[in-house]
Protein backbone atom coordinates (compact mmCIF):
# COMPACT_ATOMS: atom_id res chain seq x y z
CA MET A 1 -4.80 7.33 -25.32
CA ASN A 2 -3.28 9.68 -22.74
CA ARG A 3 -1.12 8.54 -19.87
CA LYS A 4 -3.86 8.60 -17.25
CA SER A 5 -6.54 6.70 -19.17
CA ALA A 6 -4.90 3.27 -18.95
CA ALA A 7 -4.46 3.47 -15.18
CA ARG A 8 -8.09 4.51 -14.85
CA ARG A 9 -9.23 1.04 -15.90
CA ILE A 10 -7.99 -0.47 -12.65
CA PRO A 11 -10.95 0.21 -10.34
CA ALA A 12 -10.14 3.05 -7.99
CA TYR A 13 -12.42 3.80 -5.06
CA PHE A 14 -12.67 6.08 -2.07
CA LEU A 15 -13.85 3.11 -0.05
CA TYR A 16 -14.63 -0.12 -1.90
CA GLY A 17 -17.58 0.43 -4.23
CA GLU A 18 -17.63 4.21 -3.69
CA ALA A 19 -16.62 6.77 -6.30
CA PRO A 20 -13.18 8.35 -5.83
CA ARG A 21 -13.18 11.71 -4.11
CA ARG A 22 -10.63 14.37 -3.41
CA ILE A 23 -9.11 13.89 0.04
CA THR A 24 -7.64 16.84 1.85
CA GLY A 25 -6.34 16.86 5.38
CA ALA A 26 -6.36 14.15 8.01
CA LEU A 27 -9.12 11.65 7.29
CA LEU A 28 -9.95 8.44 9.15
CA HIS A 29 -12.61 5.80 8.53
CA VAL A 30 -13.25 2.65 10.57
CA GLU A 31 -15.70 -0.17 9.89
CA THR A 32 -16.01 -3.89 10.54
CA ILE A 33 -14.87 -6.32 7.85
CA GLU A 34 -18.40 -7.67 7.73
CA ALA A 35 -20.00 -4.27 7.06
CA ARG A 36 -18.72 -4.11 3.49
CA SER A 37 -17.56 -7.63 2.67
CA ALA A 38 -20.72 -9.54 3.56
CA ARG A 39 -22.78 -7.74 0.92
CA HIS A 40 -20.12 -8.63 -1.65
CA HIS A 41 -20.24 -12.32 -0.65
CA TRP A 42 -17.03 -11.83 1.37
CA LYS A 43 -15.00 -11.22 -1.78
CA ILE A 44 -13.35 -7.87 -2.54
CA GLU A 45 -12.14 -7.67 -6.15
CA PRO A 46 -8.75 -6.12 -6.99
CA HIS A 47 -8.83 -2.32 -6.75
CA LEU A 48 -6.84 0.58 -5.36
CA HIS A 49 -7.23 3.74 -3.29
CA HIS A 50 -5.27 6.73 -4.52
CA ALA A 51 -4.86 8.53 -1.19
CA LEU A 52 -5.93 6.10 1.54
CA HIS A 53 -3.75 3.62 3.40
CA GLN A 54 -5.60 0.66 4.90
CA MET A 55 -4.87 -1.66 7.79
CA ILE A 56 -7.17 -4.64 8.26
CA VAL A 57 -7.12 -6.26 11.70
CA VAL A 58 -8.46 -9.81 11.37
CA LEU A 59 -9.46 -11.26 14.72
CA ARG A 60 -11.26 -14.38 13.52
CA GLY A 61 -11.55 -16.11 10.15
CA ARG A 62 -9.06 -17.27 7.53
CA GLY A 63 -8.63 -15.67 4.14
CA VAL A 64 -6.66 -14.90 1.02
CA VAL A 65 -4.97 -11.66 0.02
CA LEU A 66 -4.13 -10.68 -3.56
CA ALA A 67 -1.67 -7.77 -3.51
CA GLU A 68 0.07 -6.57 -6.67
CA GLY A 69 -0.57 -9.95 -8.34
CA THR A 70 0.88 -11.98 -5.45
CA ARG A 71 -1.41 -14.31 -3.53
CA SER A 72 -0.97 -15.11 0.15
CA GLN A 73 -3.11 -16.93 2.68
CA TYR A 74 -3.36 -16.16 6.36
CA ARG A 75 -4.73 -17.55 9.58
CA PRO A 76 -6.05 -15.24 12.30
CA PRO A 77 -5.16 -13.14 14.09
CA ALA A 78 -3.52 -11.17 11.31
CA LEU A 79 -2.64 -7.68 10.11
CA LEU A 80 -3.16 -6.89 6.44
CA VAL A 81 -1.53 -3.62 5.38
CA MET A 82 -2.29 -1.98 2.02
CA PRO A 83 -0.55 1.32 1.23
CA ALA A 84 -2.23 3.97 -0.88
CA GLY A 85 -1.90 3.18 -4.57
CA SER A 86 -1.41 -0.57 -4.17
CA VAL A 87 -3.70 -2.91 -6.11
CA HIS A 88 -5.27 -5.37 -3.68
CA GLY A 89 -8.22 -7.69 -3.17
CA PHE A 90 -9.44 -10.12 -0.51
CA GLU A 91 -11.42 -13.28 0.02
CA PHE A 92 -12.62 -13.51 3.59
CA GLU A 93 -14.00 -16.63 5.20
CA PRO A 94 -17.74 -16.01 5.78
CA GLY A 95 -18.26 -14.78 9.31
CA THR A 96 -14.82 -13.21 9.56
CA THR A 97 -14.58 -10.69 12.38
CA GLY A 98 -12.24 -7.72 12.48
CA TYR A 99 -11.90 -4.11 11.40
CA VAL A 100 -10.80 -2.07 8.39
CA VAL A 101 -9.00 1.13 9.34
CA SER A 102 -8.52 3.60 6.45
CA LEU A 103 -6.40 6.69 6.94
CA SER A 104 -5.41 9.43 4.54
CA VAL A 105 -1.83 9.85 3.39
CA GLU A 106 -1.70 13.18 5.22
CA LEU A 107 -2.82 11.62 8.51
CA GLN A 108 -0.27 8.83 8.10
CA ARG A 109 2.50 11.36 7.51
CA ASP A 110 1.47 13.28 10.59
CA LEU A 111 1.58 10.11 12.69
CA ALA A 112 4.95 9.15 11.18
CA ARG A 113 6.43 12.35 12.59
CA ARG A 114 5.90 10.82 16.02
CA ASP A 115 7.35 7.42 15.12
CA SER A 116 9.19 6.62 11.88
CA GLY A 117 7.95 3.04 12.20
CA VAL A 118 4.61 4.23 10.82
CA ASP A 119 6.35 4.93 7.51
CA ALA A 120 7.81 1.43 7.52
CA LEU A 121 4.43 -0.09 8.35
CA PHE A 122 2.81 1.44 5.28
CA SER A 123 5.80 1.19 2.94
CA GLN A 124 4.55 -1.87 1.05
CA PRO A 125 1.67 -4.39 1.09
CA ALA A 126 2.06 -6.86 3.94
CA THR A 127 0.21 -9.87 5.31
CA VAL A 128 1.38 -10.55 8.86
CA GLU A 129 0.14 -13.55 10.82
CA LEU A 130 0.29 -12.89 14.54
CA HIS A 131 0.71 -15.20 17.52
CA ARG A 132 -2.46 -15.13 19.56
CA GLU A 133 -0.52 -15.14 22.83
CA ALA A 134 1.45 -12.10 21.68
CA VAL A 135 -1.74 -10.33 20.57
CA ASN A 136 -3.40 -11.03 23.92
CA ALA A 137 -0.37 -9.50 25.65
CA THR A 138 -1.00 -6.19 23.87
CA ASP A 139 -3.91 -3.78 23.60
CA LEU A 140 -4.43 -4.38 19.86
CA PRO A 141 -7.92 -5.98 20.00
CA ARG A 142 -9.11 -3.53 22.64
CA SER A 143 -7.70 -0.47 20.89
CA VAL A 144 -9.23 -1.28 17.50
CA ARG A 145 -12.61 -1.94 19.10
CA LEU A 146 -12.48 1.31 21.04
CA LEU A 147 -11.35 3.18 17.92
CA ALA A 148 -14.35 1.77 16.05
CA ARG A 149 -16.68 2.72 18.90
CA GLU A 150 -15.30 6.26 19.01
CA PHE A 151 -15.60 6.56 15.22
CA ALA A 152 -19.34 5.93 15.55
CA ARG A 153 -19.67 8.60 18.24
CA GLY A 154 -19.51 12.37 18.12
CA GLY A 155 -19.59 15.27 20.50
CA ASN A 156 -16.93 17.06 22.49
CA GLY A 157 -13.47 15.58 22.30
CA HIS A 158 -14.37 13.27 19.41
CA GLN A 159 -11.45 14.19 17.14
CA LEU A 160 -8.99 14.12 20.02
CA ALA A 161 -10.15 10.67 21.09
CA LEU A 162 -10.02 9.37 17.51
CA TYR A 163 -6.46 10.57 17.12
CA GLY A 164 -5.47 9.04 20.46
CA TRP A 165 -6.95 5.61 19.76
CA THR A 166 -5.38 5.59 16.29
CA GLU A 167 -1.98 6.18 17.85
CA VAL A 168 -2.57 3.41 20.40
CA LEU A 169 -3.65 1.01 17.63
CA LEU A 170 -0.62 1.75 15.45
CA GLY A 171 1.71 1.55 18.44
CA ASN A 172 0.46 -1.94 19.22
CA ALA A 173 0.65 -2.95 15.55
CA LEU A 174 4.28 -1.87 15.44
CA ARG A 175 5.05 -3.96 18.52
CA LEU A 176 3.53 -7.04 16.88
CA ALA A 177 4.64 -6.73 13.27
CA GLU A 178 7.99 -8.34 12.57
CA ASN A 179 10.78 -7.28 10.20
CA LEU A 180 10.15 -3.58 10.60
CA PRO A 181 13.04 -1.17 11.18
CA GLY A 182 13.70 -0.59 14.86
CA PRO A 183 14.44 2.65 16.70
CA SER A 184 17.12 4.71 15.04
CA ASP A 185 19.40 7.61 15.71
CA ARG A 186 18.82 11.05 14.23
CA ALA A 187 21.00 10.46 11.15
CA ILE A 188 19.15 7.26 10.23
CA GLY A 189 15.85 9.04 10.80
CA GLN A 190 16.89 11.78 8.37
CA ARG A 191 17.84 9.19 5.74
CA ARG A 192 14.49 7.44 6.22
CA LEU A 193 12.73 10.77 5.74
CA LEU A 194 14.71 11.38 2.54
CA ILE A 195 13.76 7.97 1.14
CA ALA A 196 10.12 8.46 2.18
CA ARG A 197 10.10 11.78 0.28
CA PHE A 198 11.85 10.10 -2.67
CA ASN A 199 9.28 7.29 -2.75
CA ASP A 200 6.48 9.84 -2.59
CA LEU A 201 7.96 11.72 -5.56
CA VAL A 202 8.45 8.51 -7.53
CA GLU A 203 4.82 7.59 -6.88
CA ARG A 204 3.67 10.93 -8.30
CA LYS A 205 6.18 11.42 -11.11
CA PHE A 206 7.42 8.03 -12.32
CA ARG A 207 5.60 8.42 -15.64
CA ASP A 208 7.38 11.69 -16.38
CA GLU A 209 10.68 11.80 -14.48
CA GLN A 210 12.95 8.78 -14.80
CA SER A 211 16.40 10.21 -14.01
CA VAL A 212 18.03 10.06 -10.60
CA ALA A 213 19.46 13.53 -11.21
CA GLY A 214 15.96 14.92 -11.68
CA TYR A 215 14.72 13.43 -8.41
CA ALA A 216 17.80 14.60 -6.50
CA ARG A 217 17.20 18.12 -7.80
CA LEU A 218 13.55 18.05 -6.68
CA LEU A 219 14.62 16.76 -3.26
CA HIS A 220 17.34 19.42 -2.91
CA THR A 221 19.97 16.77 -2.26
CA SER A 222 22.90 15.22 -4.09
CA GLN A 223 22.74 12.08 -6.18
CA SER A 224 25.39 10.46 -3.99
CA ARG A 225 23.47 11.15 -0.77
CA LEU A 226 20.25 9.83 -2.29
CA ARG A 227 22.04 6.72 -3.54
CA SER A 228 23.70 6.09 -0.19
CA ALA A 229 20.41 6.39 1.72
CA ALA A 230 18.54 4.18 -0.74
CA LEU A 231 21.16 1.42 -0.63
CA GLU A 232 21.31 1.50 3.17
CA LEU A 233 17.55 1.44 3.78
CA THR A 234 16.24 -0.59 0.83
CA GLY A 235 19.24 -2.48 -0.55
CA GLN A 236 18.49 -0.97 -3.95
CA SER A 237 19.79 2.03 -5.85
CA PRO A 238 17.47 4.95 -6.69
CA MET A 239 17.39 3.83 -10.33
CA GLN A 240 16.40 0.32 -9.27
CA LEU A 241 13.56 1.78 -7.20
CA ILE A 242 12.40 3.89 -10.16
CA HIS A 243 12.53 0.88 -12.45
CA ALA A 244 10.67 -1.23 -9.87
CA ARG A 245 7.84 1.31 -9.81
CA LEU A 246 7.67 1.38 -13.62
CA LEU A 247 7.60 -2.41 -13.72
CA LEU A 248 4.90 -2.55 -11.06
CA GLU A 249 2.68 -0.23 -13.07
CA ALA A 250 3.42 -2.12 -16.29
CA LYS A 251 2.38 -5.39 -14.61
CA ARG A 252 -0.80 -3.77 -13.30
CA GLN A 253 -1.74 -2.54 -16.76
CA LEU A 254 -0.96 -5.89 -18.37
CA HIS A 255 -2.93 -7.80 -15.72
CA TYR A 256 -5.91 -5.55 -15.15
CA THR A 257 -6.51 -3.62 -18.41
CA ASP A 258 -6.99 -4.43 -22.06
CA SER A 259 -4.77 -1.56 -23.20
CA SER A 260 -2.38 -2.45 -26.01
CA ILE A 261 1.31 -2.80 -25.26
CA GLY A 262 1.93 0.36 -27.26
CA GLU A 263 -0.63 2.27 -25.19
CA ILE A 264 0.91 1.02 -21.95
CA ALA A 265 4.37 2.00 -23.15
CA LEU A 266 3.17 5.52 -23.96
CA ALA A 267 1.34 5.83 -20.62
CA LEU A 268 4.57 4.95 -18.80
CA GLY A 269 6.66 7.52 -20.64
CA PHE A 270 8.27 5.24 -23.24
CA ALA A 271 8.23 6.89 -26.68
CA ASP A 272 9.14 3.59 -28.36
CA PRO A 273 7.09 0.43 -27.60
CA ALA A 274 10.07 -1.69 -28.69
CA TYR A 275 12.23 -0.08 -26.00
CA PHE A 276 9.50 -0.73 -23.43
CA THR A 277 9.40 -4.39 -24.49
CA ARG A 278 13.18 -4.69 -24.10
CA PHE A 279 13.04 -2.93 -20.71
CA PHE A 280 10.26 -5.23 -19.45
CA SER A 281 11.88 -8.40 -20.79
CA ARG A 282 15.29 -7.52 -19.31
CA HIS A 283 13.83 -7.09 -15.83
CA THR A 284 11.25 -9.91 -15.78
CA GLY A 285 12.57 -12.53 -18.19
CA LEU A 286 9.25 -12.38 -20.08
CA SER A 287 7.95 -10.25 -22.88
CA PRO A 288 4.93 -8.07 -22.03
CA ARG A 289 2.78 -10.29 -24.25
CA SER A 290 3.93 -13.49 -22.52
CA PHE A 291 3.42 -11.92 -19.09
CA ARG A 292 -0.13 -10.89 -20.01
CA GLN A 293 -0.97 -14.34 -21.35
CA ARG A 294 -0.13 -15.92 -17.99
CA GLY A 295 -2.92 -13.88 -16.39
CA PRO A 296 -3.18 -12.78 -12.73
CA GLU A 297 -3.22 -15.46 -10.10
CA ARG A 298 -6.71 -16.34 -8.91
CA ALA A 299 -7.19 -16.15 -5.18
CA LEU A 300 -9.02 -19.30 -4.11
CA MET A 301 -10.02 -20.09 -0.57
CA ALA A 302 -8.18 -23.14 0.71
CA ASP A 303 -10.18 -25.97 2.10
């Protein structure tokens, strides 16, 4: 089995239920939660999107999120953020109202040039419950509704209006979401950009390149500068971030595929399955076999 075949068993879609497609340029898609979820009995099974970030704005209705094997419940209003490449699924309360905003990685990067908070917003899966009073004090509900209305339109100025309402929506989301990095000076912004580029490289090359020196060379920076930026912005060293990505993919394969441990080890760049087992056990406290036997958590709607 080659390295790509194991990952292929985790369902990957363009939009849920649709075959993957090559995405080039700035792409945006907006639809109501009901439009896709209702026909799937309000349950979206675990899957991923290779090149689409998603932000779900829940205005009414409770639910459950399963992101990278971790289950969380939320009450509305809420923001659910799923970066490209993250395995996620949902159970929505029937009748849930809200919107799913999908944007390409390239569009997200373009928007992040205007505000580095956009990078932070899509840096990892997040389920953020919002205070209704705080939401009502912003333009979040209005902006997502107007974005959805503009998406369904066409004609002169359509792309300009779409871009504008997307910026307004993300601006309001950043005001509401907690625990995101605040405004920064130029030096911090440069370090954030370096770590964003590093994370992007790790996402694309973690199966093949596992040395910090190799990544520093590709980023045209020094190992010490990369290490300093990573520790400051993430609290982890570059090697810890590389190992975290390897472990994440290993857990995905163990949870969502029936590939053998040897096949998973090979797909992740480990020539020796025994070394992979030692690596996994050292970082998780469980052998790959024991981890697989536990099975993924099942997302059940609370009463």
